[in-house]
Amino acid sequence: MLETLNPPVRADRDPPASAARPRRRIGLGLVRQLARSLPPLRVFTTLGGLLAWGHSTGWTMPKFSALAGHQEPAE
């Protein structure tokens, strides 16, 4: 019964044309990979710019107690 549903494949026959893998253009994969890496690269560049700006201006993170309102901010 199985032989009638799935006949054995002969080794001397060529595979059907639909089984052949399509040829991909070489540059297309590189372009897709670069396009996928742009959003994280943009985020890290923005964060790095903020870090550099904060370091050059001497900005420091306020204490949590000052943010929560339990302490007067120092002037």
C-alpha atoms as a PDB file:
ATOM      1  CA  MET A   1       0.000   0.000   0.000  1.00  0.00           C
ATOM      2  CA  LEU A   2       2.789   2.454   0.831  1.00  0.00           C
ATOM      3  CA  GLU A   3       4.531   1.764  -2.453  1.00  0.00           C
ATOM      4  CA  THR A   4       1.486   2.852  -4.382  1.00  0.00           C
ATOM      5  CA  LEU A   5       1.213   6.145  -2.515  1.00  0.00           C
ATOM      6  CA  ASN A   6       4.907   6.953  -2.561  1.00  0.00           C
ATOM      7  CA  PRO A   7       6.665   5.178  -5.407  1.00  0.00           C
ATOM      8  CA  PRO A   8      10.435   4.723  -5.000  1.00  0.00           C
ATOM      9  CA  VAL A   9      12.585   7.444  -6.545  1.00  0.00           C
ATOM     10  CA  ARG A  10      15.066   6.309  -9.134  1.00  0.00           C
ATOM     11  CA  ALA A  11      18.600   7.591  -8.819  1.00  0.00           C
ATOM     12  CA  ASP A  12      19.076   7.795 -12.588  1.00  0.00           C
ATOM     13  CA  ARG A  13      16.290  10.386 -13.063  1.00  0.00           C
ATOM     14  CA  ASP A  14      16.782  14.112 -12.685  1.00  0.00           C
ATOM     15  CA  PRO A  15      14.852  15.817  -9.887  1.00  0.00           C
ATOM     16  CA  PRO A  16      11.840  17.848 -10.997  1.00  0.00           C
ATOM     17  CA  ALA A  17      12.409  21.498 -11.848  1.00  0.00           C
ATOM     18  CA  SER A  18      10.366  22.584  -8.824  1.00  0.00           C
ATOM     19  CA  ALA A  19      12.876  20.862  -6.524  1.00  0.00           C
ATOM     20  CA  ALA A  20      15.779  22.942  -7.806  1.00  0.00           C
ATOM     21  CA  ARG A  21      16.751  25.771  -5.484  1.00  0.00           C
ATOM     22  CA  PRO A  22      16.349  29.221  -6.993  1.00  0.00           C
ATOM     23  CA  ARG A  23      19.553  31.213  -7.316  1.00  0.00           C
ATOM     24  CA  ARG A  24      19.692  34.209  -5.046  1.00  0.00           C
ATOM     25  CA  ARG A  25      21.464  37.404  -5.785  1.00  0.00           C
ATOM     26  CA  ILE A  26      24.503  37.782  -3.576  1.00  0.00           C
ATOM     27  CA  GLY A  27      23.960  41.439  -2.648  1.00  0.00           C
ATOM     28  CA  LEU A  28      20.333  40.987  -1.615  1.00  0.00           C
ATOM     29  CA  GLY A  29      21.199  39.112   1.589  1.00  0.00           C
ATOM     30  CA  LEU A  30      23.716  41.764   2.571  1.00  0.00           C
ATOM     31  CA  VAL A  31      21.204  44.556   1.989  1.00  0.00           C
ATOM     32  CA  ARG A  32      18.577  42.789   4.100  1.00  0.00           C
ATOM     33  CA  GLN A  33      21.063  42.205   6.906  1.00  0.00           C
ATOM     34  CA  LEU A  34      22.081  45.872   6.890  1.00  0.00           C
ATOM     35  CA  ALA A  35      18.441  46.974   6.866  1.00  0.00           C
ATOM     36  CA  ARG A  36      17.696  44.795   9.895  1.00  0.00           C
ATOM     37  CA  SER A  37      20.675  46.190  11.814  1.00  0.00           C
ATOM     38  CA  LEU A  38      19.808  49.872  11.311  1.00  0.00           C
ATOM     39  CA  PRO A  39      17.165  50.302  14.082  1.00  0.00           C
ATOM     40  CA  PRO A  40      19.382  48.910  16.890  1.00  0.00           C
ATOM     41  CA  LEU A  41      22.348  50.846  15.535  1.00  0.00           C
ATOM     42  CA  ARG A  42      20.285  54.045  15.634  1.00  0.00           C
ATOM     43  CA  VAL A  43      19.239  53.384  19.251  1.00  0.00           C
ATOM     44  CA  PHE A  44      22.803  52.680  20.418  1.00  0.00           C
ATOM     45  CA  THR A  45      24.106  55.743  18.585  1.00  0.00           C
ATOM     46  CA  THR A  46      21.473  57.939  20.266  1.00  0.00           C
ATOM     47  CA  LEU A  47      22.250  56.509  23.701  1.00  0.00           C
ATOM     48  CA  GLY A  48      25.976  56.972  23.113  1.00  0.00           C
ATOM     49  CA  GLY A  49      25.382  60.579  22.095  1.00  0.00           C
ATOM     50  CA  LEU A  50      23.368  61.228  25.249  1.00  0.00           C
ATOM     51  CA  LEU A  51      26.106  59.615  27.326  1.00  0.00           C
ATOM     52  CA  ALA A  52      28.793  61.790  25.713  1.00  0.00           C
ATOM     53  CA  TRP A  53      26.683  64.930  26.109  1.00  0.00           C
ATOM     54  CA  GLY A  54      25.978  64.179  29.784  1.00  0.00           C
ATOM     55  CA  HIS A  55      29.630  63.471  30.469  1.00  0.00           C
ATOM     56  CA  SER A  56      30.815  66.681  28.779  1.00  0.00           C
ATOM     57  CA  THR A  57      28.303  68.873  30.635  1.00  0.00           C
ATOM     58  CA  GLY A  58      28.845  67.244  34.029  1.00  0.00           C
ATOM     59  CA  TRP A  59      25.249  66.042  34.335  1.00  0.00           C
ATOM     60  CA  THR A  60      24.596  63.572  37.157  1.00  0.00           C
ATOM     61  CA  MET A  61      21.579  61.470  37.978  1.00  0.00           C
ATOM     62  CA  PRO A  62      19.626  62.909  40.921  1.00  0.00           C
ATOM     63  CA  LYS A  63      19.135  60.733  43.968  1.00  0.00           C
ATOM     64  CA  PHE A  64      15.918  58.758  44.097  1.00  0.00           C
ATOM     65  CA  SER A  65      14.870  60.436  47.337  1.00  0.00           C
ATOM     66  CA  ALA A  66      15.025  63.816  45.594  1.00  0.00           C
ATOM     67  CA  LEU A  67      12.909  62.468  42.741  1.00  0.00           C
ATOM     68  CA  ALA A  68      10.340  60.913  45.112  1.00  0.00           C
ATOM     69  CA  GLY A  69       9.946  64.175  47.026  1.00  0.00           C
ATOM     70  CA  HIS A  70      11.388  63.048  50.381  1.00  0.00           C
ATOM     71  CA  GLN A  71      14.264  65.511  50.254  1.00  0.00           C
ATOM     72  CA  GLU A  72      14.689  69.067  49.087  1.00  0.00           C
ATOM     73  CA  PRO A  73      16.786  69.312  45.889  1.00  0.00           C
ATOM     74  CA  ALA A  74      20.221  70.809  46.541  1.00  0.00           C
ATOM     75  CA  GLU A  75      20.884  74.079  44.758  1.00  0.00           C
END
